[in-house]
Amino acid sequence: MTAPAPAATSMRSAVSRRFSVEPIQTVGEWRPLAADWDRLLRATLGHTGLQSFDFLLTWWECLGEPRSLWILVFREAGRICGVAPLQIAPRRILGKTYRTVEFLGMTEDILVPRLLFPEPDAPALRAALLEYLGEQCASWDLIELDELASGDPFVGDLEGWARARKLIYRQQAFHDCPFLDLSAETSESFFGGRSRKLLKNVRAAERKLGALGAVSVRSYSAPAEIAEGLAEFARVEECSWKRKESVGSTGDAAYRRFHRRLLEAFASRHAARVMSLRVGDRPVAATLAIVFDGIHCSLEIVHDEQYARFSPGTLLEFHELEVLLREREVRRYEFLGGALANKRRWTTDALATVCVRARTADARMRLLDFYEFGAKPLVKRLLRRAGLYAPDRSKALSAGTT
C-alpha cells in the first residue's frame, strides 16, 4: 500500500515572515536540488554521506515504495537555506492506515538522519518547520523520527510543540553509533592506543589464517572496479551466517541493486570502496563503504562462516583502518551497526540517539501508546524475572545495514 501523498497546497506557503516552504513530492522536482542539498549538508553539524543527495536519491529509487516524498525546502528571498528530508509512510494500526511523517530513508536502517539546517539559521528554520507541520496537520496523522542525535535541539522543540497541540508525545533512547575520529591519528598513534589483547588477537588470527594459504587484501575503489568488488562481496555473502539467518539486508535483491547503484554513484562523484580479505584465491570477508566529505561510512561487512574461528571480519577491519590511516584522506570512520556490540572493539566513542513520537490522541493511538509504553514493558520485565524472555539476537542485528 502506497502512502497517500499530502494534500496539494500552494507551492509556496508563507509559514513565517522570514521563510517560505516548498514541498517536493516528485523525483523530477527533487533532482535540481542536488548542488544546494549537498551544500547545506556540508554546513550541517554531524553530517555524513548517509544524508547526501546521491545516497538518499538512490535509496528512494531502489527502496522507497510504498512511501511518498515530502521533502520541505525552505527559502529566504528565493535562496534555498534549509531542507527537511521527509517522507510519508503508511502505517496500519488496529485496522486503520495512518500517514506517518518520517525522515527520508528506511527506519530499519541506521542512517542517523539530519535536518539540513545550518547555523546560525537553524533555530529559526526549526521553528518554521514546526509551524508548517502545524499548518499542514490535515496531511499527516503521526510524526515518528528515529535516530535523532541525543541532545539535538529539535528534540526539545518538537516536544514543546507536540504537548502544546495535545499530541501524545514519547521519547525513547535508541542505540549508540560508534565512530572513530582519525583527523589527528597516524598508524602508530592509533594502533598504539588500542588494547594489547585486541592487537594480539588480530595477529594470532592472521597467523592461523595464513597457515591455510597466503593472506591478502584487495581494494576496489575506481568506478570501473566497483562491479568486480561487488561480485567478490556477493561470493562471501552467500557463505555468511547473515544469509543463513536472513539477517539485515543480506541476500535481498533490492538491496543488492541499491548497493550497486550507490557505490557506482559514489565512486564516480565522491568516493567508495569494496575491500575483501582473501586466503589464497578465496575471499573470506568483505566490506562495503562510501566516503563523503572525509567521512567513511561502513555500510556492511560479511564473512564466510567456514572461517569464523579466525575472526576474518575483525582482521579485515584492521587492514581497512591501516589503509585509511596510510592514505590520510578520511577524518572520521562511522561504524554504524549500533546494535552490534563488537563494533565497540575499536573505539569507545559513540553518538547516542533517540526516537521521538508525536501522535494524534484518538482511541487507537491511546491504545497503542498504552500497549507500547505500559503493558508491553511490564510483561517483558515479568518474563525476564521469571527467566522466560531474552532479546532476539537476529532482530537486534537487523537494526542496521552493517
Protein backbone atom coordinates (compact mmCIF):
# COMPACT_ATOMS: atom_id res chain seq x y z
CA MET A 1 0.00 0.00 0.00
CA THR A 2 1.43 3.38 -1.02
CA ALA A 3 1.19 6.21 1.45
CA PRO A 4 -1.30 8.87 0.37
CA ALA A 5 0.54 11.98 -0.73
CA PRO A 6 -0.13 15.09 1.38
CA ALA A 7 -2.97 17.17 0.05
CA ALA A 8 -1.98 19.57 -2.70
CA THR A 9 -1.19 23.01 -1.35
CA SER A 10 0.26 26.20 -2.65
CA MET A 11 3.80 25.52 -3.82
CA ARG A 12 4.99 28.32 -1.57
CA SER A 13 3.34 28.56 1.78
CA ALA A 14 4.43 31.52 3.88
CA VAL A 15 4.58 29.95 7.32
CA SER A 16 6.74 32.68 8.78
CA ARG A 17 7.67 36.22 7.89
CA ARG A 18 11.17 35.14 7.02
CA PHE A 19 10.90 31.82 5.14
CA SER A 20 8.70 30.26 2.50
CA VAL A 21 8.30 26.48 2.23
CA GLU A 22 8.13 24.42 -0.95
CA PRO A 23 7.01 20.78 -0.59
CA ILE A 24 8.84 18.45 -3.02
CA GLN A 25 6.74 15.40 -3.88
CA THR A 26 8.30 14.02 -7.07
CA VAL A 27 11.78 12.92 -8.12
CA GLY A 28 11.59 15.36 -11.02
CA GLU A 29 11.23 18.24 -8.56
CA TRP A 30 13.94 16.81 -6.32
CA ARG A 31 16.78 16.29 -8.84
CA PRO A 32 17.52 20.01 -9.43
CA LEU A 33 18.27 20.38 -5.71
CA ALA A 34 21.47 18.26 -5.84
CA ALA A 35 24.02 21.08 -5.52
CA ASP A 36 22.07 23.02 -2.87
CA TRP A 37 21.34 19.79 -0.96
CA ASP A 38 25.00 18.86 -0.51
CA ARG A 39 26.00 22.49 0.12
CA LEU A 40 23.57 22.61 3.05
CA LEU A 41 24.60 19.14 4.21
CA ARG A 42 28.27 20.10 4.44
CA ALA A 43 27.28 23.07 6.58
CA THR A 44 25.18 20.90 8.94
CA LEU A 45 26.80 19.68 12.14
CA GLY A 46 27.26 15.91 12.39
CA HIS A 47 26.56 15.13 8.74
CA THR A 48 27.68 12.01 6.87
CA GLY A 49 27.26 10.69 3.34
CA LEU A 50 24.14 8.86 4.52
CA GLN A 51 22.23 12.15 4.23
CA SER A 52 23.79 13.16 0.91
CA PHE A 53 21.77 13.73 -2.23
CA ASP A 54 23.28 10.72 -4.02
CA PHE A 55 22.65 8.36 -1.11
CA LEU A 56 19.04 9.33 -0.48
CA LEU A 57 18.02 9.60 -4.13
CA THR A 58 19.50 6.16 -4.86
CA TRP A 59 17.81 4.74 -1.77
CA TRP A 60 14.47 6.24 -2.80
CA GLU A 61 14.61 4.93 -6.36
CA CYS A 62 15.52 1.41 -5.20
CA LEU A 63 13.70 1.03 -1.88
CA GLY A 64 11.31 3.94 -1.42
CA GLU A 65 7.98 2.24 -2.08
CA PRO A 66 5.35 2.34 -0.60
CA ARG A 67 6.25 5.74 0.83
CA SER A 68 5.56 9.20 -0.60
CA LEU A 69 8.09 12.02 -0.83
CA TRP A 70 7.50 15.05 1.35
CA ILE A 71 10.77 16.99 1.21
CA LEU A 72 10.35 20.52 2.58
CA VAL A 73 12.57 23.20 1.02
CA PHE A 74 12.98 26.47 2.93
CA ARG A 75 13.80 29.64 1.03
CA GLU A 76 14.70 33.15 2.07
CA ALA A 77 14.49 35.80 -0.64
CA GLY A 78 14.43 32.99 -3.20
CA ARG A 79 17.64 31.30 -1.95
CA ILE A 80 17.46 27.76 -0.55
CA CYS A 81 18.62 27.97 3.07
CA GLY A 82 17.33 24.71 4.56
CA VAL A 83 15.86 21.30 3.72
CA ALA A 84 13.80 18.91 5.84
CA PRO A 85 14.27 15.47 4.16
CA LEU A 86 10.95 13.83 4.99
CA GLN A 87 8.60 11.18 3.65
CA ILE A 88 5.06 10.00 4.36
CA ALA A 89 4.79 6.27 5.14
CA PRO A 90 1.57 4.25 5.57
CA ARG A 91 1.29 2.51 8.90
CA ARG A 92 -1.50 0.07 9.71
CA ILE A 93 -2.67 0.36 13.32
CA LEU A 94 -5.64 -1.61 14.66
CA GLY A 95 -7.31 -1.82 11.27
CA LYS A 96 -6.70 1.77 10.16
CA THR A 97 -3.96 3.20 7.93
CA TYR A 98 -2.21 6.23 9.37
CA ARG A 99 0.01 8.67 7.46
CA THR A 100 3.33 8.84 9.25
CA VAL A 101 5.88 11.63 8.83
CA GLU A 102 9.38 10.12 8.91
CA PHE A 103 12.87 11.08 7.92
CA LEU A 104 13.64 10.08 4.35
CA GLY A 105 15.04 6.55 4.35
CA MET A 106 14.13 3.17 5.77
CA THR A 107 13.66 3.25 9.52
CA GLU A 108 15.14 -0.25 9.86
CA ASP A 109 18.49 1.06 8.61
CA ILE A 110 20.97 3.05 10.65
CA LEU A 111 21.18 6.36 8.79
CA VAL A 112 21.38 8.92 11.65
CA PRO A 113 19.29 11.46 9.69
CA ARG A 114 19.67 15.20 9.87
CA LEU A 115 17.62 18.28 9.16
CA LEU A 116 19.77 20.26 6.73
CA PHE A 117 19.56 23.42 8.82
CA PRO A 118 22.98 25.13 9.02
CA GLU A 119 23.80 27.60 11.77
CA PRO A 120 23.10 30.40 12.51
CA ASP A 121 19.69 29.98 10.86
CA ALA A 122 18.94 26.58 12.42
CA PRO A 123 16.75 27.79 15.33
CA ALA A 124 14.57 29.89 13.01
CA LEU A 125 14.35 27.05 10.49
CA ARG A 126 13.27 24.56 13.18
CA ALA A 127 10.54 26.96 14.27
CA ALA A 128 9.42 27.40 10.65
CA LEU A 129 9.32 23.62 10.18
CA LEU A 130 7.09 23.11 13.22
CA GLU A 131 4.85 25.97 12.13
CA TYR A 132 4.49 24.35 8.71
CA LEU A 133 3.74 20.92 10.20
CA GLY A 134 1.01 22.53 12.26
CA GLU A 135 -0.39 24.32 9.24
CA GLN A 136 -0.41 21.05 7.28
CA CYS A 137 -1.85 18.87 10.08
CA ALA A 138 -4.58 17.59 7.76
CA SER A 139 -1.84 15.89 5.67
CA TRP A 140 -0.47 13.59 8.40
CA ASP A 141 -1.51 11.59 11.46
CA LEU A 142 1.78 10.69 13.20
CA ILE A 143 5.29 12.06 13.40
CA GLU A 144 7.88 9.36 14.10
CA LEU A 145 11.52 10.44 13.86
CA ASP A 146 14.13 7.77 14.55
CA GLU A 147 17.81 8.24 15.36
CA LEU A 148 17.91 11.89 16.19
CA ALA A 149 21.18 12.65 17.92
CA SER A 150 20.70 12.82 21.67
CA GLY A 151 20.87 16.49 22.59
CA ASP A 152 19.66 17.66 19.19
CA PRO A 153 17.75 20.88 19.96
CA PHE A 154 14.95 19.78 17.63
CA VAL A 155 14.01 17.10 20.17
CA GLY A 156 13.12 19.72 22.76
CA ASP A 157 11.47 21.94 20.15
CA LEU A 158 9.27 19.07 18.95
CA GLU A 159 8.30 18.04 22.47
CA GLY A 160 7.14 21.54 23.40
CA TRP A 161 5.25 21.88 20.12
CA ALA A 162 3.58 18.46 20.44
CA ARG A 163 2.48 18.95 24.02
CA ALA A 164 1.07 22.39 23.20
CA ARG A 165 -1.04 20.73 20.48
CA LYS A 166 -2.25 17.98 22.89
CA LEU A 167 -0.50 15.23 20.91
CA ILE A 168 0.74 12.02 22.55
CA TYR A 169 4.49 12.61 22.81
CA ARG A 170 7.06 9.93 23.61
CA GLN A 171 10.84 9.90 23.54
CA GLN A 172 12.99 6.78 23.84
CA ALA A 173 16.71 6.20 23.99
CA PHE A 174 17.81 4.23 20.95
CA HIS A 175 21.19 2.69 20.07
CA ASP A 176 24.64 4.26 20.14
CA CYS A 177 26.50 4.71 16.84
CA PRO A 178 30.25 4.11 17.38
CA PHE A 179 32.78 6.18 15.44
CA LEU A 180 36.49 6.94 15.21
CA ASP A 181 37.98 10.40 14.96
CA LEU A 182 41.00 9.84 12.71
CA SER A 183 41.72 13.50 11.98
CA ALA A 184 44.87 13.66 14.12
CA GLU A 185 45.83 9.97 14.06
CA THR A 186 48.75 8.13 12.48
CA SER A 187 49.02 4.36 12.25
CA GLU A 188 51.45 4.41 15.17
CA SER A 189 49.29 6.59 17.41
CA PHE A 190 46.04 4.83 16.55
CA PHE A 191 47.11 1.21 16.92
CA GLY A 192 49.28 2.17 19.87
CA GLY A 193 46.09 3.29 21.59
CA ARG A 194 44.19 0.04 21.05
CA SER A 195 44.13 -2.70 23.65
CA ARG A 196 47.01 -5.18 23.65
CA LYS A 197 44.52 -8.02 23.76
CA LEU A 198 42.77 -6.84 20.59
CA LEU A 199 46.02 -6.48 18.63
CA LYS A 200 47.30 -9.79 19.94
CA ASN A 201 44.10 -11.46 18.76
CA VAL A 202 44.41 -9.81 15.34
CA ARG A 203 47.99 -11.02 14.91
CA ALA A 204 47.04 -14.52 16.06
CA ALA A 205 44.08 -14.63 13.64
CA GLU A 206 46.27 -13.60 10.72
CA ARG A 207 48.91 -16.16 11.64
CA LYS A 208 46.39 -19.02 11.92
CA LEU A 209 44.61 -17.98 8.74
CA GLY A 210 47.96 -17.79 6.98
CA ALA A 211 48.52 -21.45 7.71
CA LEU A 212 45.71 -22.17 5.20
CA GLY A 213 47.16 -20.02 2.42
CA ALA A 214 48.60 -16.60 1.62
CA VAL A 215 46.55 -13.84 3.29
CA SER A 216 45.97 -10.72 1.19
CA VAL A 217 43.63 -7.77 0.97
CA ARG A 218 42.07 -6.45 -2.22
CA SER A 219 40.63 -2.98 -2.60
CA TYR A 220 38.22 -1.80 -5.29
CA SER A 221 37.54 1.93 -5.50
CA ALA A 222 37.75 3.13 -9.12
CA PRO A 223 34.38 3.29 -10.95
CA ALA A 224 35.49 0.52 -13.33
CA GLU A 225 36.38 -1.75 -10.38
CA ILE A 226 33.21 -1.49 -8.31
CA ALA A 227 31.30 -4.22 -10.17
CA GLU A 228 34.18 -6.67 -9.62
CA GLY A 229 34.34 -5.76 -5.94
CA LEU A 230 30.60 -6.25 -5.50
CA ALA A 231 30.82 -9.67 -7.16
CA GLU A 232 33.51 -10.60 -4.64
CA PHE A 233 31.32 -9.29 -1.80
CA ALA A 234 28.42 -11.41 -3.08
CA ARG A 235 30.60 -14.54 -3.04
CA VAL A 236 31.34 -14.05 0.64
CA GLU A 237 27.75 -13.07 1.42
CA GLU A 238 26.49 -16.38 0.05
CA CYS A 239 28.52 -18.18 2.73
CA SER A 240 27.81 -15.82 5.62
CA TRP A 241 25.81 -16.52 8.77
CA LYS A 242 23.72 -13.43 7.99
CA ARG A 243 22.49 -15.04 4.79
CA LYS A 244 21.62 -18.27 6.58
CA GLU A 245 19.67 -16.44 9.29
CA SER A 246 18.15 -13.83 6.92
CA VAL A 247 19.61 -11.00 9.00
CA GLY A 248 19.55 -7.42 7.75
CA SER A 249 19.80 -6.78 4.01
CA THR A 250 21.85 -9.87 3.18
CA GLY A 251 20.51 -11.69 0.14
CA ASP A 252 17.82 -9.08 -0.60
CA ALA A 253 17.76 -8.44 -4.37
CA ALA A 254 16.51 -4.86 -3.94
CA TYR A 255 19.33 -4.11 -1.51
CA ARG A 256 21.90 -5.60 -3.85
CA ARG A 257 20.62 -3.32 -6.61
CA PHE A 258 20.75 -0.38 -4.19
CA HIS A 259 24.32 -1.14 -3.12
CA ARG A 260 25.47 -1.49 -6.72
CA ARG A 261 23.95 1.80 -7.84
CA LEU A 262 25.05 3.57 -4.67
CA LEU A 263 28.69 2.51 -4.88
CA GLU A 264 28.84 3.28 -8.59
CA ALA A 265 27.47 6.80 -7.95
CA PHE A 266 29.84 7.45 -5.05
CA ALA A 267 32.85 6.06 -6.92
CA SER A 268 32.10 8.49 -9.76
CA ARG A 269 31.25 11.61 -7.75
CA HIS A 270 32.62 11.14 -4.22
CA ALA A 271 34.47 8.01 -3.06
CA ALA A 272 33.53 4.38 -2.47
CA ARG A 273 35.40 1.21 -1.63
CA VAL A 274 34.87 -2.53 -1.55
CA MET A 275 37.55 -4.46 0.32
CA SER A 276 38.00 -8.19 0.64
CA LEU A 277 40.21 -10.40 2.79
CA ARG A 278 41.46 -13.41 0.87
CA VAL A 279 43.14 -16.70 1.71
CA GLY A 280 44.83 -17.80 -1.46
CA ASP A 281 42.25 -17.20 -4.18
CA ARG A 282 39.26 -17.39 -1.85
CA PRO A 283 37.62 -14.26 -0.35
CA VAL A 284 36.69 -14.94 3.28
CA ALA A 285 35.47 -11.49 4.36
CA ALA A 286 34.33 -8.36 2.53
CA THR A 287 33.08 -4.88 3.34
CA LEU A 288 31.31 -2.02 1.56
CA ALA A 289 31.86 1.66 2.33
CA ILE A 290 31.15 5.13 1.00
CA VAL A 291 33.11 8.31 1.72
CA PHE A 292 31.68 11.83 1.70
CA ASP A 293 33.48 14.96 2.84
CA GLY A 294 36.20 12.89 4.52
CA ILE A 295 33.71 10.73 6.45
CA HIS A 296 33.93 6.98 5.87
CA CYS A 297 30.68 5.04 6.42
CA SER A 298 30.97 1.28 6.75
CA LEU A 299 27.74 0.04 5.15
CA GLU A 300 28.06 -3.70 5.60
CA ILE A 301 30.63 -6.36 6.44
CA VAL A 302 30.23 -10.10 5.89
CA HIS A 303 32.43 -13.14 6.40
CA ASP A 304 32.45 -16.77 5.30
CA GLU A 305 31.06 -18.77 8.23
CA GLN A 306 33.51 -21.57 7.48
CA TYR A 307 36.34 -19.26 8.61
CA ALA A 308 34.54 -17.71 11.60
CA ARG A 309 37.03 -19.13 14.13
CA PHE A 310 39.73 -16.92 12.57
CA SER A 311 37.76 -13.67 13.16
CA PRO A 312 38.03 -12.63 9.49
CA GLY A 313 35.75 -9.61 9.95
CA THR A 314 37.95 -8.14 12.69
CA LEU A 315 41.05 -8.86 10.63
CA LEU A 316 39.56 -7.10 7.60
CA GLU A 317 38.62 -4.08 9.72
CA PHE A 318 42.23 -3.94 10.95
CA HIS A 319 43.57 -3.85 7.39
CA GLU A 320 40.90 -1.38 6.30
CA LEU A 321 41.94 1.01 9.08
CA GLU A 322 45.58 0.52 8.13
CA VAL A 323 44.80 1.65 4.59
CA LEU A 324 42.74 4.66 5.69
CA LEU A 325 45.42 5.81 8.14
CA ARG A 326 48.09 5.46 5.47
CA GLU A 327 46.08 7.37 2.85
CA ARG A 328 45.07 10.12 5.34
CA GLU A 329 42.00 11.10 3.30
CA VAL A 330 39.44 10.13 5.97
CA ARG A 331 38.93 12.18 9.11
CA ARG A 332 36.12 10.15 10.67
CA TYR A 333 35.12 6.48 10.48
CA GLU A 334 31.46 5.66 11.12
CA PHE A 335 30.87 2.03 12.11
CA LEU A 336 27.07 2.32 12.24
CA GLY A 337 25.59 -1.01 13.32
CA GLY A 338 24.81 0.39 16.76
CA ALA A 339 23.09 -2.83 17.85
CA LEU A 340 26.29 -4.80 17.31
CA ALA A 341 28.45 -4.75 20.44
CA ASN A 342 31.53 -5.92 18.52
CA LYS A 343 31.68 -2.57 16.74
CA ARG A 344 32.97 -1.14 20.04
CA ARG A 345 36.21 -3.14 19.92
CA TRP A 346 37.97 -0.34 18.02
CA THR A 347 36.54 2.69 19.84
CA THR A 348 34.89 3.96 23.00
CA ASP A 349 33.37 6.98 21.20
CA ALA A 350 29.74 6.75 20.13
CA LEU A 351 26.88 9.03 19.21
CA ALA A 352 23.80 8.42 21.37
CA THR A 353 20.48 8.59 19.54
CA VAL A 354 16.81 8.87 20.46
CA CYS A 355 13.47 8.16 18.78
CA VAL A 356 10.64 10.68 19.14
CA ARG A 357 6.92 10.15 18.52
CA ALA A 358 4.12 12.71 18.25
CA ARG A 359 0.73 11.08 17.65
CA THR A 360 -2.83 12.26 17.38
CA ALA A 361 -4.73 11.37 20.53
CA ASP A 362 -7.54 9.27 19.06
CA ALA A 363 -8.70 5.98 20.62
CA ARG A 364 -6.41 3.74 18.54
CA MET A 365 -3.37 5.87 19.34
CA ARG A 366 -4.15 5.86 23.04
CA LEU A 367 -4.48 2.08 22.97
CA LEU A 368 -1.20 1.73 21.03
CA ASP A 369 0.55 4.04 23.48
CA PHE A 370 -0.73 2.01 26.44
CA TYR A 371 0.49 -1.21 24.82
CA GLU A 372 3.95 0.12 23.84
CA PHE A 373 4.73 2.06 26.99
CA GLY A 374 2.62 0.33 29.61
CA ALA A 375 1.63 -3.29 29.06
CA LYS A 376 4.49 -4.48 26.84
CA PRO A 377 7.38 -3.26 29.05
CA LEU A 378 5.64 -4.65 32.13
CA VAL A 379 5.19 -8.09 30.56
CA LYS A 380 8.84 -8.14 29.44
CA ARG A 381 10.04 -7.26 32.93
CA LEU A 382 7.96 -10.04 34.45
CA LEU A 383 9.18 -12.58 31.89
CA ARG A 384 12.83 -11.57 32.45
CA ARG A 385 12.44 -12.05 36.19
CA ALA A 386 11.00 -15.48 35.51
CA GLY A 387 13.84 -16.29 33.13
CA LEU A 388 11.43 -16.76 30.23
CA TYR A 389 12.48 -13.87 27.98
CA ALA A 390 15.71 -12.92 26.20
CA PRO A 391 16.12 -10.39 23.36
CA ASP A 392 16.10 -11.89 19.85
CA ARG A 393 19.69 -11.68 18.56
CA SER A 394 18.73 -11.70 14.90
CA LYS A 395 16.22 -8.87 15.34
CA ALA A 396 18.78 -6.77 17.20
CA LEU A 397 21.34 -7.32 14.49
CA SER A 398 18.91 -6.41 11.73
CA ALA A 399 18.61 -2.88 13.10
CA GLY A 400 21.20 -1.65 10.63
CA THR A 401 22.77 -2.28 7.27
CA THR A 402 26.05 -3.21 8.90
